Amino acid sequence: MSQASASEGTEPEFRVRTILVPLIAIISGIFMVILDATAMNVALSRLVVDFKTDLPTLQWTVTGYMLATAAVIPLAGWLSDRFGAKNVFLTSIILFTIASMLCATPNSAEWLIVFRIIQGLGGGFVMPVAMAYVFRLSPPNKIGVVMGMLGVPVLLAPAIGPVLSGWLIEYHSWHWIFLINIPVGIFSVAFGLWKLPKVGRKKVAGFDLPGMILGPIAFASLSYGVSQGAESWTSDKTLAGLIIGAVALIAFIIVELRAKIPLLELRVFRSIDFSFSIFVQWILQFSLFGAIFLLPQFLQQARGYGAFDTGMTLFPQALASAVMMPIGGYLFDKIGVRWLVVAGLSLVSGAIFQYSHVSLTTEGRDLTLPLIMAGAGMGLMMMPLNSHLIKKAPAELVSRVTSLTSAMQQVISSFAVATLVTILTSRITKLVTEKNMVITSPADLQKAMLSVAPEAFGYTFSIMMVIAIIGVFLGLFLRRGKAELVDSIGASKQETGFEGLH
């Protein structure tokens, strides 16, 4: 049944066949990739023992994956336009699944690093391609609901990842954190071949070779540089990454603005609405790390929780996100994005305020309410703001915009982590000095750091709360643009169309 011929009585069937059922393939693929990305941090200590190597070497299993992901994200939009979103999405899942199988086989850290890089090359395409794909397929008046469903694995997988991987490593083997991807990947590909509809390809007349070289270098180098800033902002690694990334980014911007068929369409920044919306998204993303990144660090470093216990403690946050994500999507279709961002960041701000009062006696039950608040806030605003950003760009640039926003989010995420770690460690050092603690051994240092950790974490949470409140204020200036949403998607569908259902 075509969209044009869908009648009033057959509209539900059309939605199920073209949206809800194909979403199973897309959601399973996204869930697998994000789940695996969160599992490696839990496995590192076991891998150090099994591979008889040091932690800095094995840290490259995480860093290499991140750099590979950052490098390919800018290419996702162009490849989708050139070869079709369905083909690119399924190919990336196949590559990720094969790499997962390889990651379970090595007997040396070096080979595991190589296979993790291959994993990152596949995983980097998944999210930007999936977002643009689903956006194009969604009925104009249901984009929020559908994108909300797509967002469930984005927030649920990071909470389940440490719990599942911790259980597998403790009771089975680290190999299983990769082996479990194989059946999920096979299912996603098989179901996708069967049910994913093709979206019309675009004619890509040019080949932006300079952009394809400079873009990956710029975003991978910047991601590496700011991630190394967590250790030291003045180290050779940090400075090299930032300098190379900045030079490559400047050259990339110049090339893209002059190119007839650019890899990333940077001209969308000429839209004040788009530029302001993406700035609000950066503020939102940065502030969310107060709830996503910093609290697990407190539980593990200051309270001595293991990965499994930490994951179980944080599970109410993931559950609240999963419940509120579809609700946020539904409300986005009705009222637009403004009040969802304001309400969502207000909930997150309230949660972070409560986190700022943690102590060495804080238990998991003390965090249940703020965790639910944080999860509900994320669910309300995360995907609606992404949808808002996409519809602020010209309809023909949807795939390029998701690549652009995903690439920038990769850098902002690394910057947020590095900044939080810098603030936290600086505060700990200052408190130890102010309290004139006598340190004569590593045990004394550990004891001193533990005694000031709650105060240092509270201070860092307070800074995150201020950033979140700034985001609330900026959210008030987001335009609703509901009518524009329908027009934009309608134009996109007329241009892209369906090539058929499979």
Protein backbone atom coordinates (compact mmCIF):
# COMPACT_ATOMS: atom_id res chain seq x y z
CA MET A 1 0.00 0.00 0.00
CA SER A 2 1.41 3.38 -0.92
CA GLN A 3 1.27 6.42 1.27
CA ALA A 4 -0.80 8.28 -1.26
CA SER A 5 -3.44 5.64 -1.39
CA ALA A 6 -3.68 5.06 2.32
CA SER A 7 -7.22 5.82 3.35
CA GLU A 8 -8.58 6.88 6.70
CA GLY A 9 -9.45 3.30 7.58
CA THR A 10 -6.10 1.80 6.55
CA GLU A 11 -3.82 4.40 8.18
CA PRO A 12 -3.06 2.21 11.26
CA GLU A 13 -2.02 -0.68 8.98
CA PHE A 14 0.25 1.65 7.02
CA ARG A 15 1.96 2.85 10.19
CA VAL A 16 2.51 -0.69 11.46
CA ARG A 17 3.91 -1.98 8.19
CA THR A 18 6.17 0.94 7.38
CA ILE A 19 7.19 2.24 10.81
CA LEU A 20 6.56 0.10 13.87
CA VAL A 21 7.62 -3.28 12.48
CA PRO A 22 10.82 -2.01 10.77
CA LEU A 23 11.69 -0.23 14.03
CA ILE A 24 12.35 -3.66 15.56
CA ALA A 25 15.36 -4.14 13.27
CA ILE A 26 16.64 -0.62 13.87
CA ILE A 27 16.15 -0.64 17.66
CA SER A 28 17.81 -4.04 18.06
CA GLY A 29 20.83 -2.82 16.10
CA ILE A 30 21.12 0.42 18.07
CA PHE A 31 20.69 -1.41 21.39
CA MET A 32 23.45 -3.87 20.51
CA VAL A 33 25.95 -1.16 19.55
CA ILE A 34 25.34 1.07 22.58
CA LEU A 35 25.25 -1.89 24.98
CA ASP A 36 28.63 -3.10 23.75
CA ALA A 37 30.15 0.38 23.98
CA THR A 38 29.35 0.52 27.71
CA ALA A 39 30.60 -3.01 28.44
CA MET A 40 34.33 -2.56 27.80
CA ASN A 41 35.02 -0.28 30.78
CA VAL A 42 33.75 -3.02 33.09
CA ALA A 43 35.93 -5.66 31.43
CA LEU A 44 39.26 -3.82 31.49
CA SER A 45 40.44 -5.00 34.92
CA ARG A 46 39.79 -8.66 33.99
CA LEU A 47 41.50 -8.23 30.61
CA VAL A 48 44.63 -6.84 32.29
CA VAL A 49 44.99 -10.16 34.11
CA ASP A 50 44.04 -12.44 31.21
CA PHE A 51 46.29 -10.72 28.67
CA LYS A 52 49.13 -10.12 31.17
CA THR A 53 49.49 -6.50 30.11
CA ASP A 54 48.98 -3.04 31.62
CA LEU A 55 45.89 -0.85 31.82
CA PRO A 56 47.20 1.96 29.54
CA THR A 57 47.61 -0.58 26.74
CA LEU A 58 44.13 -2.02 27.17
CA GLN A 59 42.64 1.45 27.45
CA TRP A 60 43.18 1.61 23.70
CA THR A 61 40.37 -0.90 23.27
CA VAL A 62 38.12 1.95 24.41
CA THR A 63 40.05 4.83 22.82
CA GLY A 64 40.50 3.05 19.49
CA TYR A 65 36.80 2.31 19.30
CA MET A 66 35.95 5.94 20.08
CA LEU A 67 38.33 7.30 17.43
CA ALA A 68 37.03 4.92 14.77
CA THR A 69 33.47 5.96 15.58
CA ALA A 70 34.31 9.66 15.45
CA ALA A 71 36.11 9.19 12.14
CA VAL A 72 33.24 7.57 10.25
CA ILE A 73 30.29 9.59 11.57
CA PRO A 74 30.90 12.50 9.13
CA LEU A 75 30.70 10.02 6.23
CA ALA A 76 27.33 8.55 7.23
CA GLY A 77 25.11 11.13 5.53
CA TRP A 78 26.93 11.10 2.19
CA LEU A 79 27.04 7.29 2.07
CA SER A 80 23.32 7.09 2.89
CA ASP A 81 22.48 9.49 0.09
CA ARG A 82 24.76 7.66 -2.34
CA PHE A 83 24.03 4.01 -1.54
CA GLY A 84 20.73 4.14 0.36
CA ALA A 85 20.09 4.28 4.10
CA LYS A 86 18.93 0.65 4.25
CA ASN A 87 22.10 -0.65 2.61
CA VAL A 88 24.40 1.45 4.79
CA PHE A 89 22.58 0.57 8.02
CA LEU A 90 22.56 -3.18 7.39
CA THR A 91 26.19 -3.16 6.20
CA SER A 92 27.26 -1.38 9.37
CA ILE A 93 25.41 -3.95 11.52
CA ILE A 94 27.08 -6.80 9.58
CA LEU A 95 30.52 -5.24 10.08
CA PHE A 96 29.86 -4.69 13.78
CA THR A 97 28.63 -8.27 14.24
CA ILE A 98 31.63 -9.79 12.45
CA ALA A 99 33.97 -7.61 14.51
CA SER A 100 32.20 -8.73 17.69
CA MET A 101 32.89 -12.34 16.77
CA LEU A 102 36.54 -11.48 16.17
CA CYS A 103 36.76 -9.61 19.50
CA ALA A 104 35.91 -12.85 21.33
CA THR A 105 38.84 -14.74 19.77
CA PRO A 106 42.17 -12.89 20.35
CA ASN A 107 44.90 -14.05 22.71
CA SER A 108 46.70 -10.71 22.77
CA ALA A 109 45.74 -7.13 23.64
CA GLU A 110 47.03 -5.86 20.30
CA TRP A 111 44.61 -7.97 18.27
CA LEU A 112 41.72 -7.03 20.54
CA ILE A 113 42.49 -3.36 19.90
CA VAL A 114 42.48 -3.98 16.12
CA PHE A 115 39.14 -5.78 16.26
CA ARG A 116 37.64 -3.08 18.48
CA ILE A 117 38.63 -0.46 15.89
CA ILE A 118 36.80 -2.49 13.24
CA GLN A 119 33.81 -2.58 15.61
CA GLY A 120 33.93 1.20 15.87
CA LEU A 121 33.99 1.57 12.08
CA GLY A 122 30.72 -0.35 11.92
CA GLY A 123 29.11 1.12 15.04
CA GLY A 124 29.79 4.73 14.11
CA PHE A 125 27.33 4.67 11.22
CA VAL A 126 24.43 3.15 13.12
CA MET A 127 22.96 6.06 15.08
CA PRO A 128 23.14 8.92 12.51
CA VAL A 129 21.87 6.68 9.70
CA ALA A 130 19.06 5.27 11.85
CA MET A 131 17.87 8.73 12.96
CA ALA A 132 17.69 10.10 9.42
CA TYR A 133 16.12 6.86 8.18
CA VAL A 134 13.34 6.82 10.77
CA PHE A 135 12.71 10.55 10.38
CA ARG A 136 12.07 10.13 6.66
CA LEU A 137 9.75 7.17 7.12
CA SER A 138 7.65 8.64 9.92
CA PRO A 139 4.17 10.07 9.26
CA PRO A 140 4.27 13.87 9.62
CA ASN A 141 2.03 13.92 12.68
CA LYS A 142 3.78 11.00 14.42
CA ILE A 143 7.46 11.96 14.18
CA GLY A 144 7.78 12.60 17.92
CA VAL A 145 6.23 9.27 18.93
CA VAL A 146 8.37 7.28 16.48
CA MET A 147 11.62 9.08 17.36
CA GLY A 148 10.73 8.61 21.02
CA MET A 149 10.57 4.86 20.49
CA LEU A 150 13.92 5.02 18.73
CA GLY A 151 15.38 6.80 21.75
CA VAL A 152 14.50 4.07 24.25
CA PRO A 153 17.62 1.95 23.57
CA VAL A 154 19.79 5.08 23.62
CA LEU A 155 19.09 5.62 27.33
CA LEU A 156 18.28 2.05 28.38
CA ALA A 157 21.39 0.32 27.01
CA PRO A 158 23.97 2.35 29.02
CA ALA A 159 22.22 1.33 32.25
CA ILE A 160 21.88 -2.34 31.35
CA GLY A 161 25.39 -2.60 29.89
CA PRO A 162 27.38 -2.51 33.16
CA VAL A 163 24.91 -4.85 34.89
CA LEU A 164 24.97 -7.44 32.12
CA SER A 165 28.70 -7.22 31.44
CA GLY A 166 29.50 -7.30 35.16
CA TRP A 167 27.42 -10.45 35.57
CA LEU A 168 28.96 -12.13 32.50
CA ILE A 169 32.52 -11.33 33.58
CA GLU A 170 32.00 -12.36 37.19
CA TYR A 171 30.15 -15.61 36.57
CA HIS A 172 31.20 -16.60 33.03
CA SER A 173 33.87 -15.01 30.80
CA TRP A 174 34.69 -11.66 29.22
CA HIS A 175 34.30 -13.34 25.82
CA TRP A 176 30.53 -13.32 26.30
CA ILE A 177 30.26 -9.52 26.24
CA PHE A 178 31.08 -9.85 22.52
CA LEU A 179 29.46 -13.22 21.77
CA ILE A 180 26.01 -11.99 22.83
CA ASN A 181 26.16 -9.49 19.95
CA ILE A 182 26.20 -12.23 17.32
CA PRO A 183 22.58 -13.47 17.59
CA VAL A 184 21.32 -9.90 18.04
CA GLY A 185 23.22 -8.75 14.96
CA ILE A 186 22.01 -11.69 12.87
CA PHE A 187 18.43 -11.00 13.93
CA SER A 188 18.73 -7.28 13.15
CA VAL A 189 20.13 -7.94 9.66
CA ALA A 190 17.68 -10.74 8.82
CA PHE A 191 14.66 -8.79 10.04
CA GLY A 192 15.94 -5.65 8.34
CA LEU A 193 16.34 -7.41 4.99
CA TRP A 194 12.78 -8.64 5.34
CA LYS A 195 10.98 -5.59 6.70
CA LEU A 196 13.04 -2.42 6.28
CA PRO A 197 11.62 -0.33 3.40
CA LYS A 198 13.97 1.32 0.98
CA VAL A 199 14.14 5.11 1.03
CA GLY A 200 14.78 6.75 -2.29
CA ARG A 201 18.44 7.46 -2.93
CA LYS A 202 19.68 10.90 -3.86
CA LYS A 203 21.80 11.64 -6.88
CA VAL A 204 25.20 12.61 -5.51
CA ALA A 205 26.95 14.31 -8.38
CA GLY A 206 30.24 15.13 -6.72
CA PHE A 207 32.83 13.31 -4.67
CA ASP A 208 34.10 15.48 -1.82
CA LEU A 209 37.50 13.81 -1.40
CA PRO A 210 39.10 16.64 0.65
CA GLY A 211 36.11 16.62 2.98
CA MET A 212 36.26 12.85 3.34
CA ILE A 213 39.90 13.13 4.41
CA LEU A 214 39.73 16.23 6.60
CA GLY A 215 36.40 15.43 8.33
CA PRO A 216 37.44 12.14 9.95
CA ILE A 217 40.84 13.58 10.92
CA ALA A 218 39.24 16.65 12.49
CA PHE A 219 36.56 14.93 14.56
CA ALA A 220 38.71 11.94 15.58
CA SER A 221 41.61 14.20 16.63
CA LEU A 222 39.37 16.56 18.60
CA SER A 223 37.67 13.64 20.35
CA TYR A 224 41.06 12.18 21.25
CA GLY A 225 42.48 15.49 22.41
CA VAL A 226 39.62 16.38 24.73
CA SER A 227 39.42 12.82 26.07
CA GLN A 228 43.11 13.01 27.01
CA GLY A 229 42.31 16.26 28.79
CA ALA A 230 40.84 14.11 31.57
CA GLU A 231 44.44 13.23 32.49
CA SER A 232 46.09 16.57 31.72
CA TRP A 233 45.18 19.50 29.49
CA THR A 234 48.86 20.32 28.98
CA SER A 235 50.17 16.85 28.09
CA ASP A 236 51.74 16.21 24.70
CA LYS A 237 48.91 13.82 23.74
CA THR A 238 46.22 16.37 24.58
CA LEU A 239 47.92 19.25 22.80
CA ALA A 240 48.73 17.15 19.72
CA GLY A 241 45.12 15.99 19.41
CA LEU A 242 43.68 19.47 19.91
CA ILE A 243 46.12 21.19 17.54
CA ILE A 244 45.76 18.61 14.75
CA GLY A 245 41.99 18.56 15.26
CA ALA A 246 41.67 22.35 15.22
CA VAL A 247 43.80 22.78 12.09
CA ALA A 248 41.94 19.98 10.30
CA LEU A 249 38.57 21.39 11.40
CA ILE A 250 39.38 24.87 10.07
CA ALA A 251 40.53 23.40 6.77
CA PHE A 252 37.44 21.17 6.68
CA ILE A 253 35.10 24.13 7.21
CA ILE A 254 36.78 26.11 4.42
CA VAL A 255 36.58 23.15 2.03
CA GLU A 256 32.95 22.37 2.86
CA LEU A 257 31.77 25.96 2.43
CA ARG A 258 33.38 26.06 -1.03
CA ALA A 259 32.32 22.59 -2.19
CA LYS A 260 29.35 22.25 -4.55
CA ILE A 261 28.41 18.91 -2.98
CA PRO A 262 29.84 19.07 0.57
CA LEU A 263 30.25 16.06 2.84
CA LEU A 264 28.54 17.94 5.69
CA GLU A 265 26.25 20.83 4.81
CA LEU A 266 27.59 23.50 7.16
CA ARG A 267 25.42 26.17 5.56
CA VAL A 268 22.58 25.04 7.84
CA PHE A 269 24.27 27.13 10.53
CA ARG A 270 23.08 30.19 8.63
CA SER A 271 19.69 29.43 10.15
CA ILE A 272 19.50 31.20 13.51
CA ASP A 273 16.92 28.68 14.72
CA PHE A 274 19.17 25.73 13.86
CA SER A 275 22.31 27.30 15.37
CA PHE A 276 20.51 28.22 18.58
CA SER A 277 18.88 24.79 18.84
CA ILE A 278 22.17 22.92 18.41
CA PHE A 279 23.78 25.17 21.06
CA VAL A 280 20.96 24.26 23.46
CA GLN A 281 21.57 20.60 22.62
CA TRP A 282 25.25 20.96 23.57
CA ILE A 283 24.27 22.54 26.89
CA LEU A 284 21.75 19.76 27.46
CA GLN A 285 24.26 17.05 26.63
CA PHE A 286 26.95 18.57 28.82
CA SER A 287 24.62 18.91 31.79
CA LEU A 288 23.29 15.36 31.38
CA PHE A 289 26.72 13.99 32.20
CA GLY A 290 26.16 15.16 35.75
CA ALA A 291 23.51 12.45 35.91
CA ILE A 292 25.00 9.87 33.54
CA PHE A 293 28.77 9.97 34.10
CA LEU A 294 29.52 11.55 37.46
CA LEU A 295 27.16 9.64 39.75
CA PRO A 296 28.51 6.17 38.79
CA GLN A 297 32.01 7.50 39.50
CA PHE A 298 30.91 8.56 42.99
CA LEU A 299 29.34 5.17 43.69
CA GLN A 300 32.43 3.28 42.56
CA GLN A 301 35.21 5.55 43.83
CA ALA A 302 33.77 6.97 47.04
CA ARG A 303 31.29 4.28 48.05
CA GLY A 304 33.18 1.24 46.76
CA TYR A 305 30.35 -0.16 44.63
CA GLY A 306 31.19 -2.73 41.97
CA ALA A 307 30.02 -2.45 38.37
CA PHE A 308 27.09 -4.80 38.93
CA ASP A 309 25.87 -3.00 42.07
CA THR A 310 26.33 0.37 40.38
CA GLY A 311 24.25 -0.74 37.42
CA MET A 312 21.48 -2.03 39.67
CA THR A 313 21.48 1.23 41.65
CA LEU A 314 21.14 3.28 38.46
CA PHE A 315 18.44 1.09 36.93
CA PRO A 316 15.51 3.30 38.12
CA GLN A 317 16.96 6.08 35.96
CA ALA A 318 16.95 3.86 32.87
CA LEU A 319 13.44 2.62 33.61
CA ALA A 320 12.12 6.16 34.01
CA SER A 321 13.77 7.16 30.72
CA ALA A 322 12.21 4.21 28.90
CA VAL A 323 8.76 5.11 30.24
CA MET A 324 9.00 8.84 29.50
CA MET A 325 10.65 8.63 26.08
CA PRO A 326 7.46 7.72 24.16
CA ILE A 327 5.50 10.23 26.25
CA GLY A 328 8.01 12.94 25.36
CA GLY A 329 7.65 12.01 21.69
CA TYR A 330 3.86 12.16 21.87
CA LEU A 331 3.95 15.58 23.55
CA PHE A 332 6.45 16.85 20.97
CA ASP A 333 3.90 16.15 18.24
CA LYS A 334 1.32 18.13 20.21
CA ILE A 335 3.18 21.09 21.74
CA GLY A 336 6.64 21.25 20.16
CA VAL A 337 9.99 21.13 21.92
CA ARG A 338 10.21 24.25 24.12
CA TRP A 339 8.38 23.14 27.24
CA LEU A 340 9.75 19.61 27.01
CA VAL A 341 13.31 20.95 27.23
CA VAL A 342 12.35 23.32 30.05
CA ALA A 343 10.55 20.60 32.03
CA GLY A 344 13.18 17.96 31.29
CA LEU A 345 16.17 20.07 32.29
CA SER A 346 14.29 21.28 35.37
CA LEU A 347 13.90 17.67 36.48
CA VAL A 348 17.56 16.98 35.76
CA SER A 349 18.57 20.13 37.65
CA GLY A 350 16.54 18.99 40.66
CA ALA A 351 18.18 15.57 40.52
CA ILE A 352 21.69 17.02 40.31
CA PHE A 353 20.89 19.33 43.25
CA GLN A 354 20.17 16.24 45.34
CA TYR A 355 23.36 14.57 44.03
CA SER A 356 25.32 17.58 45.28
CA HIS A 357 24.49 16.54 48.86
CA VAL A 358 25.94 13.01 48.66
CA SER A 359 28.08 11.72 51.51
CA LEU A 360 29.93 8.56 52.56
CA THR A 361 26.70 7.31 54.12
CA THR A 362 24.66 7.71 50.92
CA GLU A 363 22.92 4.45 49.98
CA GLY A 364 21.22 3.36 46.79
CA ARG A 365 17.74 3.92 48.23
CA ASP A 366 18.68 7.55 48.98
CA LEU A 367 19.21 8.08 45.25
CA THR A 368 16.02 6.46 43.96
CA LEU A 369 13.97 9.68 43.71
CA PRO A 370 16.65 11.82 42.01
CA LEU A 371 17.46 8.94 39.66
CA ILE A 372 13.81 8.74 38.60
CA MET A 373 13.75 12.53 38.18
CA ALA A 374 16.89 12.48 36.02
CA GLY A 375 15.63 9.60 33.90
CA ALA A 376 12.22 11.20 33.39
CA GLY A 377 13.87 14.47 32.39
CA MET A 378 16.10 12.78 29.84
CA GLY A 379 13.19 10.85 28.39
CA LEU A 380 11.09 13.99 28.01
CA MET A 381 13.60 16.08 26.10
CA MET A 382 16.37 14.03 24.48
CA MET A 383 14.78 12.76 21.27
CA PRO A 384 12.33 15.70 20.92
CA LEU A 385 15.30 18.07 20.73
CA ASN A 386 16.99 15.82 18.17
CA SER A 387 13.79 15.78 16.11
CA HIS A 388 13.49 19.57 16.47
CA LEU A 389 17.04 20.00 15.17
CA ILE A 390 16.46 17.81 12.14
CA LYS A 391 13.29 19.61 11.10
CA LYS A 392 14.99 23.00 11.41
CA ALA A 393 17.24 22.02 8.51
CA PRO A 394 16.12 21.83 4.86
CA ALA A 395 14.29 18.57 4.17
CA GLU A 396 16.80 17.42 1.55
CA LEU A 397 19.66 17.61 4.08
CA VAL A 398 18.23 15.30 6.76
CA SER A 399 20.95 12.64 6.45
CA ARG A 400 23.73 15.25 6.44
CA VAL A 401 22.29 16.97 9.53
CA THR A 402 22.17 13.75 11.58
CA SER A 403 25.82 13.12 10.66
CA LEU A 404 26.72 16.68 11.66
CA THR A 405 24.92 16.57 15.01
CA SER A 406 26.25 13.09 15.83
CA ALA A 407 29.83 14.13 15.06
CA MET A 408 29.53 17.19 17.27
CA GLN A 409 27.93 15.15 20.06
CA GLN A 410 30.94 12.82 20.02
CA VAL A 411 33.27 15.77 20.68
CA ILE A 412 30.96 17.33 23.30
CA SER A 413 30.69 14.01 25.15
CA SER A 414 34.47 13.69 25.35
CA PHE A 415 34.77 17.33 26.40
CA ALA A 416 32.16 16.88 29.14
CA VAL A 417 33.93 13.86 30.63
CA ALA A 418 37.34 15.53 30.50
CA THR A 419 36.02 18.74 32.05
CA LEU A 420 34.23 16.92 34.88
CA VAL A 421 37.29 14.85 35.69
CA THR A 422 39.46 17.99 35.68
CA ILE A 423 37.09 19.86 38.03
CA LEU A 424 36.78 16.86 40.34
CA THR A 425 40.51 16.09 40.63
CA SER A 426 41.39 19.77 41.06
CA ARG A 427 38.85 20.08 43.86
CA ILE A 428 40.14 16.95 45.61
CA THR A 429 43.71 18.25 45.44
CA LYS A 430 42.67 21.64 46.80
CA LEU A 431 40.72 20.12 49.70
CA VAL A 432 43.57 17.81 50.66
CA THR A 433 45.92 20.81 50.72
CA GLU A 434 43.52 23.04 52.67
CA LYS A 435 42.98 20.40 55.34
CA ASN A 436 46.77 19.99 55.82
CA MET A 437 46.53 16.21 55.60
CA VAL A 438 49.78 14.38 56.29
CA ILE A 439 50.57 11.98 53.48
CA THR A 440 53.55 9.67 53.86
CA SER A 441 52.40 6.63 51.88
CA PRO A 442 50.02 5.62 49.09
CA ALA A 443 47.62 4.38 51.77
CA ASP A 444 47.58 7.84 53.37
CA LEU A 445 46.89 9.42 49.98
CA GLN A 446 44.03 7.02 49.32
CA LYS A 447 42.55 7.71 52.75
CA ALA A 448 42.87 11.48 52.29
CA MET A 449 41.23 11.42 48.86
CA LEU A 450 38.39 9.27 50.16
CA SER A 451 37.71 11.62 53.06
CA VAL A 452 37.29 14.64 50.80
CA ALA A 453 35.64 12.82 47.88
CA PRO A 454 32.01 13.54 48.87
CA GLU A 455 32.70 17.27 49.19
CA ALA A 456 34.57 17.28 45.86
CA PHE A 457 31.80 15.38 44.10
CA GLY A 458 29.21 17.71 45.63
CA TYR A 459 31.12 20.74 44.33
CA THR A 460 31.31 19.25 40.82
CA PHE A 461 27.61 18.38 40.86
CA SER A 462 26.85 21.99 41.83
CA ILE A 463 28.65 23.25 38.73
CA MET A 464 26.68 20.82 36.59
CA MET A 465 23.47 22.07 38.19
CA VAL A 466 24.30 25.66 37.21
CA ILE A 467 24.89 24.55 33.60
CA ALA A 468 21.57 22.68 33.58
CA ILE A 469 19.74 25.77 34.90
CA ILE A 470 21.31 27.85 32.12
CA GLY A 471 19.91 25.25 29.70
CA VAL A 472 16.44 25.68 31.24
CA PHE A 473 16.63 29.43 30.61
CA LEU A 474 17.82 28.98 27.01
CA GLY A 475 15.09 26.41 26.39
CA LEU A 476 12.49 29.12 26.90
CA PHE A 477 13.65 30.72 23.64
CA LEU A 478 13.25 27.61 21.48
CA ARG A 479 10.57 28.04 18.86
CA ARG A 480 7.74 25.59 18.74
CA GLY A 481 7.55 25.28 14.95
CA LYS A 482 4.91 22.53 14.91
CA ALA A 483 3.40 23.54 11.57
CA GLU A 484 6.87 23.87 10.10
CA LEU A 485 7.57 20.30 11.21
CA VAL A 486 4.70 18.88 9.17
CA ASP A 487 5.60 20.95 6.11
CA SER A 488 9.26 19.95 6.32
CA ILE A 489 8.56 16.25 6.56
CA GLY A 490 5.92 16.40 3.90
CA ALA A 491 8.43 17.99 1.53
CA SER A 492 11.01 15.40 2.49
CA LYS A 493 8.64 12.54 1.70
CA GLN A 494 7.75 14.01 -1.67
CA GLU A 495 11.44 14.17 -2.51
CA THR A 496 12.62 10.83 -1.10
CA GLY A 497 9.55 8.62 -1.40
CA PHE A 498 9.45 4.85 -0.94
CA GLU A 499 11.00 2.35 -3.33
CA GLY A 500 8.95 -0.45 -1.86
CA LEU A 501 8.67 -2.68 1.14
CA HIS A 502 10.83 -5.72 1.70
